Amino acid sequence: MQDILIQALTLAYGSTGIVGVAAYWPTIKDLWRGKPSANVSSYFIWVATNGITWLYGLLILKDIPFIFVSSLYLFANGLTLFMRLRLRKK
């Protein structure tokens, strides 16, 4: 029973990364269309903290689901920051 619970929780945790990244879609879509809808300082902080989280998972935890989820968040935050900075230059 405990093994089933752990597997279910691992699957649920992995899916939260996908759902969380999907939540970035409206912001990414706005930036793609040229609407400056993202706060640059917030995304700098999020990229930095997600980068640390990702490194912690990669180097300390060595836990594949954790690394996967943190990679998704780091990618979504990094993409949003990059697009917002690119838009600022125009």
N, C-alpha and C. Protein backbone atom coordinates (compact mmCIF):
# COMPACT_ATOMS: atom_id res chain seq x y z
N MET A 1 0.83 -1.20 0.00
CA MET A 1 0.00 0.00 0.00
C MET A 1 0.87 1.26 0.00
N GLN A 2 1.94 1.23 0.79
CA GLN A 2 2.81 2.39 0.87
C GLN A 2 3.51 2.64 -0.48
N ASP A 3 3.89 1.59 -1.18
CA ASP A 3 4.52 1.73 -2.49
C ASP A 3 3.59 2.40 -3.49
N ILE A 4 2.32 2.04 -3.45
CA ILE A 4 1.34 2.64 -4.36
C ILE A 4 1.18 4.12 -4.04
N LEU A 5 1.13 4.46 -2.77
CA LEU A 5 1.02 5.86 -2.36
C LEU A 5 2.24 6.66 -2.82
N ILE A 6 3.42 6.11 -2.66
CA ILE A 6 4.65 6.79 -3.08
C ILE A 6 4.66 6.97 -4.60
N GLN A 7 4.27 5.96 -5.34
CA GLN A 7 4.22 6.08 -6.80
C GLN A 7 3.19 7.11 -7.23
N ALA A 8 2.05 7.11 -6.59
CA ALA A 8 1.00 8.09 -6.93
C ALA A 8 1.47 9.50 -6.61
N LEU A 9 2.13 9.68 -5.48
CA LEU A 9 2.63 10.99 -5.10
C LEU A 9 3.73 11.45 -6.05
N THR A 10 4.60 10.55 -6.47
CA THR A 10 5.65 10.88 -7.43
C THR A 10 5.05 11.31 -8.77
N LEU A 11 4.05 10.60 -9.23
CA LEU A 11 3.37 10.97 -10.47
C LEU A 11 2.67 12.32 -10.33
N ALA A 12 2.00 12.53 -9.21
CA ALA A 12 1.31 13.80 -8.97
C ALA A 12 2.31 14.95 -8.93
N TYR A 13 3.46 14.74 -8.27
CA TYR A 13 4.48 15.77 -8.20
C TYR A 13 5.00 16.11 -9.59
N GLY A 14 5.27 15.10 -10.39
CA GLY A 14 5.73 15.34 -11.75
C GLY A 14 4.73 16.11 -12.59
N SER A 15 3.47 15.83 -12.40
CA SER A 15 2.44 16.52 -13.17
C SER A 15 2.26 17.97 -12.73
N THR A 16 2.61 18.30 -11.47
CA THR A 16 2.49 19.70 -11.04
C THR A 16 3.44 20.59 -11.83
N GLY A 17 4.57 20.06 -12.23
CA GLY A 17 5.49 20.85 -13.06
C GLY A 17 4.88 21.17 -14.41
N ILE A 18 4.23 20.22 -15.00
CA ILE A 18 3.60 20.43 -16.30
C ILE A 18 2.45 21.43 -16.18
N VAL A 19 1.64 21.27 -15.16
CA VAL A 19 0.52 22.19 -14.93
C VAL A 19 1.05 23.60 -14.61
N GLY A 20 2.10 23.67 -13.79
CA GLY A 20 2.68 24.97 -13.44
C GLY A 20 3.24 25.69 -14.65
N VAL A 21 3.91 24.97 -15.51
CA VAL A 21 4.46 25.57 -16.73
C VAL A 21 3.33 26.02 -17.65
N ALA A 22 2.26 25.26 -17.72
CA ALA A 22 1.11 25.66 -18.54
C ALA A 22 0.54 26.99 -18.06
N ALA A 23 0.69 27.28 -16.78
CA ALA A 23 0.19 28.55 -16.25
C ALA A 23 0.99 29.74 -16.79
N TYR A 24 2.21 29.50 -17.27
CA TYR A 24 3.01 30.57 -17.87
C TYR A 24 2.57 30.90 -19.29
N TRP A 25 1.81 30.02 -19.90
CA TRP A 25 1.43 30.20 -21.30
C TRP A 25 0.79 31.55 -21.60
N PRO A 26 -0.17 32.05 -20.82
CA PRO A 26 -0.75 33.35 -21.14
C PRO A 26 0.29 34.48 -21.16
N THR A 27 1.23 34.46 -20.24
CA THR A 27 2.26 35.49 -20.21
C THR A 27 3.18 35.36 -21.42
N ILE A 28 3.59 34.13 -21.73
CA ILE A 28 4.46 33.91 -22.89
C ILE A 28 3.74 34.32 -24.17
N LYS A 29 2.47 34.00 -24.27
CA LYS A 29 1.68 34.38 -25.45
C LYS A 29 1.60 35.90 -25.58
N ASP A 30 1.36 36.61 -24.47
CA ASP A 30 1.32 38.08 -24.51
C ASP A 30 2.66 38.65 -24.95
N LEU A 31 3.73 38.11 -24.41
CA LEU A 31 5.06 38.61 -24.79
C LEU A 31 5.35 38.33 -26.26
N TRP A 32 4.93 37.18 -26.74
CA TRP A 32 5.13 36.84 -28.15
C TRP A 32 4.41 37.85 -29.05
N ARG A 33 3.27 38.31 -28.59
CA ARG A 33 2.48 39.28 -29.36
C ARG A 33 2.92 40.72 -29.12
N GLY A 34 3.93 40.92 -28.27
CA GLY A 34 4.48 42.26 -28.06
C GLY A 34 3.86 43.03 -26.91
N LYS A 35 3.09 42.37 -26.07
CA LYS A 35 2.50 43.03 -24.91
C LYS A 35 3.43 42.84 -23.70
N PRO A 36 3.94 43.92 -23.12
CA PRO A 36 4.86 43.78 -21.98
C PRO A 36 4.10 43.46 -20.68
N SER A 37 3.71 42.21 -20.51
CA SER A 37 2.87 41.85 -19.37
C SER A 37 3.64 41.25 -18.20
N ALA A 38 4.97 41.18 -18.28
CA ALA A 38 5.73 40.53 -17.22
C ALA A 38 6.63 41.54 -16.53
N ASN A 39 6.70 41.44 -15.21
CA ASN A 39 7.56 42.28 -14.40
C ASN A 39 8.98 41.71 -14.45
N VAL A 40 9.92 42.47 -14.97
CA VAL A 40 11.28 41.99 -15.18
C VAL A 40 11.96 41.60 -13.87
N SER A 41 11.85 42.42 -12.84
CA SER A 41 12.54 42.12 -11.58
C SER A 41 12.02 40.84 -10.95
N SER A 42 10.74 40.59 -11.05
CA SER A 42 10.19 39.34 -10.51
C SER A 42 10.76 38.14 -11.24
N TYR A 43 10.86 38.23 -12.56
CA TYR A 43 11.39 37.10 -13.32
C TYR A 43 12.88 36.90 -13.11
N PHE A 44 13.64 37.96 -12.87
CA PHE A 44 15.05 37.80 -12.50
C PHE A 44 15.16 36.99 -11.21
N ILE A 45 14.36 37.34 -10.23
CA ILE A 45 14.38 36.63 -8.94
C ILE A 45 13.95 35.19 -9.12
N TRP A 46 12.89 34.95 -9.88
CA TRP A 46 12.40 33.60 -10.09
C TRP A 46 13.40 32.74 -10.85
N VAL A 47 14.06 33.32 -11.84
CA VAL A 47 15.08 32.57 -12.59
C VAL A 47 16.23 32.21 -11.65
N ALA A 48 16.66 33.15 -10.84
CA ALA A 48 17.77 32.89 -9.92
C ALA A 48 17.40 31.81 -8.90
N THR A 49 16.23 31.93 -8.29
CA THR A 49 15.84 30.94 -7.27
C THR A 49 15.56 29.58 -7.90
N ASN A 50 14.97 29.55 -9.08
CA ASN A 50 14.75 28.27 -9.76
C ASN A 50 16.06 27.66 -10.22
N GLY A 51 17.01 28.50 -10.60
CA GLY A 51 18.33 27.98 -10.97
C GLY A 51 19.01 27.32 -9.78
N ILE A 52 18.92 27.92 -8.62
CA ILE A 52 19.49 27.33 -7.40
C ILE A 52 18.76 26.04 -7.06
N THR A 53 17.45 26.04 -7.16
CA THR A 53 16.67 24.84 -6.89
C THR A 53 17.06 23.71 -7.83
N TRP A 54 17.21 24.04 -9.12
CA TRP A 54 17.60 23.04 -10.10
C TRP A 54 18.98 22.47 -9.80
N LEU A 55 19.93 23.34 -9.47
CA LEU A 55 21.27 22.88 -9.12
C LEU A 55 21.25 22.01 -7.87
N TYR A 56 20.45 22.37 -6.89
CA TYR A 56 20.32 21.58 -5.66
C TYR A 56 19.79 20.18 -6.00
N GLY A 57 18.78 20.13 -6.84
CA GLY A 57 18.24 18.84 -7.25
C GLY A 57 19.25 18.01 -8.02
N LEU A 58 19.99 18.68 -8.92
CA LEU A 58 20.96 17.98 -9.76
C LEU A 58 22.17 17.49 -8.97
N LEU A 59 22.71 18.34 -8.12
CA LEU A 59 23.97 18.03 -7.45
C LEU A 59 23.81 17.40 -6.07
N ILE A 60 22.74 17.73 -5.36
CA ILE A 60 22.57 17.24 -4.00
C ILE A 60 21.55 16.09 -3.94
N LEU A 61 20.33 16.37 -4.39
CA LEU A 61 19.27 15.36 -4.27
C LEU A 61 19.43 14.21 -5.27
N LYS A 62 19.81 14.56 -6.49
CA LYS A 62 19.92 13.58 -7.58
C LYS A 62 18.64 12.78 -7.76
N ASP A 63 17.53 13.53 -7.68
CA ASP A 63 16.19 12.96 -7.78
C ASP A 63 15.60 13.36 -9.13
N ILE A 64 15.37 12.40 -9.99
CA ILE A 64 14.94 12.67 -11.37
C ILE A 64 13.62 13.43 -11.45
N PRO A 65 12.56 13.03 -10.72
CA PRO A 65 11.32 13.82 -10.81
C PRO A 65 11.52 15.27 -10.35
N PHE A 66 12.29 15.46 -9.29
CA PHE A 66 12.54 16.82 -8.80
C PHE A 66 13.31 17.63 -9.84
N ILE A 67 14.32 17.03 -10.44
CA ILE A 67 15.11 17.71 -11.46
C ILE A 67 14.23 18.05 -12.66
N PHE A 68 13.38 17.13 -13.06
CA PHE A 68 12.47 17.36 -14.18
C PHE A 68 11.55 18.55 -13.92
N VAL A 69 10.91 18.56 -12.76
CA VAL A 69 9.97 19.64 -12.44
C VAL A 69 10.71 20.97 -12.33
N SER A 70 11.83 20.99 -11.64
CA SER A 70 12.56 22.25 -11.50
C SER A 70 13.11 22.72 -12.85
N SER A 71 13.43 21.80 -13.75
CA SER A 71 13.87 22.17 -15.09
C SER A 71 12.74 22.85 -15.87
N LEU A 72 11.54 22.32 -15.73
CA LEU A 72 10.39 22.94 -16.41
C LEU A 72 10.16 24.37 -15.93
N TYR A 73 10.20 24.55 -14.61
CA TYR A 73 10.00 25.90 -14.06
C TYR A 73 11.12 26.84 -14.48
N LEU A 74 12.35 26.35 -14.45
CA LEU A 74 13.49 27.18 -14.86
C LEU A 74 13.36 27.57 -16.33
N PHE A 75 12.97 26.64 -17.17
CA PHE A 75 12.78 26.95 -18.59
C PHE A 75 11.68 27.98 -18.79
N ALA A 76 10.54 27.80 -18.14
CA ALA A 76 9.41 28.72 -18.32
C ALA A 76 9.77 30.12 -17.82
N ASN A 77 10.40 30.20 -16.66
CA ASN A 77 10.81 31.50 -16.14
C ASN A 77 11.88 32.14 -17.02
N GLY A 78 12.85 31.34 -17.45
CA GLY A 78 13.91 31.87 -18.30
C GLY A 78 13.37 32.37 -19.63
N LEU A 79 12.47 31.61 -20.23
CA LEU A 79 11.87 32.02 -21.49
C LEU A 79 11.09 33.32 -21.33
N THR A 80 10.32 33.42 -20.27
CA THR A 80 9.55 34.63 -20.02
C THR A 80 10.46 35.84 -19.82
N LEU A 81 11.51 35.66 -19.03
CA LEU A 81 12.46 36.75 -18.80
C LEU A 81 13.13 37.15 -20.11
N PHE A 82 13.60 36.17 -20.87
CA PHE A 82 14.26 36.46 -22.15
C PHE A 82 13.33 37.23 -23.08
N MET A 83 12.09 36.78 -23.20
CA MET A 83 11.14 37.44 -24.10
C MET A 83 10.83 38.85 -23.63
N ARG A 84 10.72 39.04 -22.31
CA ARG A 84 10.43 40.37 -21.77
C ARG A 84 11.60 41.32 -22.00
N LEU A 85 12.83 40.83 -21.80
CA LEU A 85 14.00 41.68 -22.04
C LEU A 85 14.14 42.01 -23.52
N ARG A 86 13.85 41.05 -24.38
CA ARG A 86 13.89 41.30 -25.82
C ARG A 86 12.87 42.36 -26.22
N LEU A 87 11.70 42.30 -25.62
CA LEU A 87 10.65 43.27 -25.91
C LEU A 87 11.04 44.65 -25.42
N ARG A 88 11.74 44.72 -24.30
CA ARG A 88 12.17 46.01 -23.74
C ARG A 88 13.14 46.72 -24.67
N LYS A 89 13.97 45.97 -25.39
CA LYS A 89 14.95 46.56 -26.28
C LYS A 89 14.32 47.21 -27.51
N LYS A 90 13.12 46.79 -27.88
CA LYS A 90 12.47 47.31 -29.08
C LYS A 90 11.93 48.70 -28.86
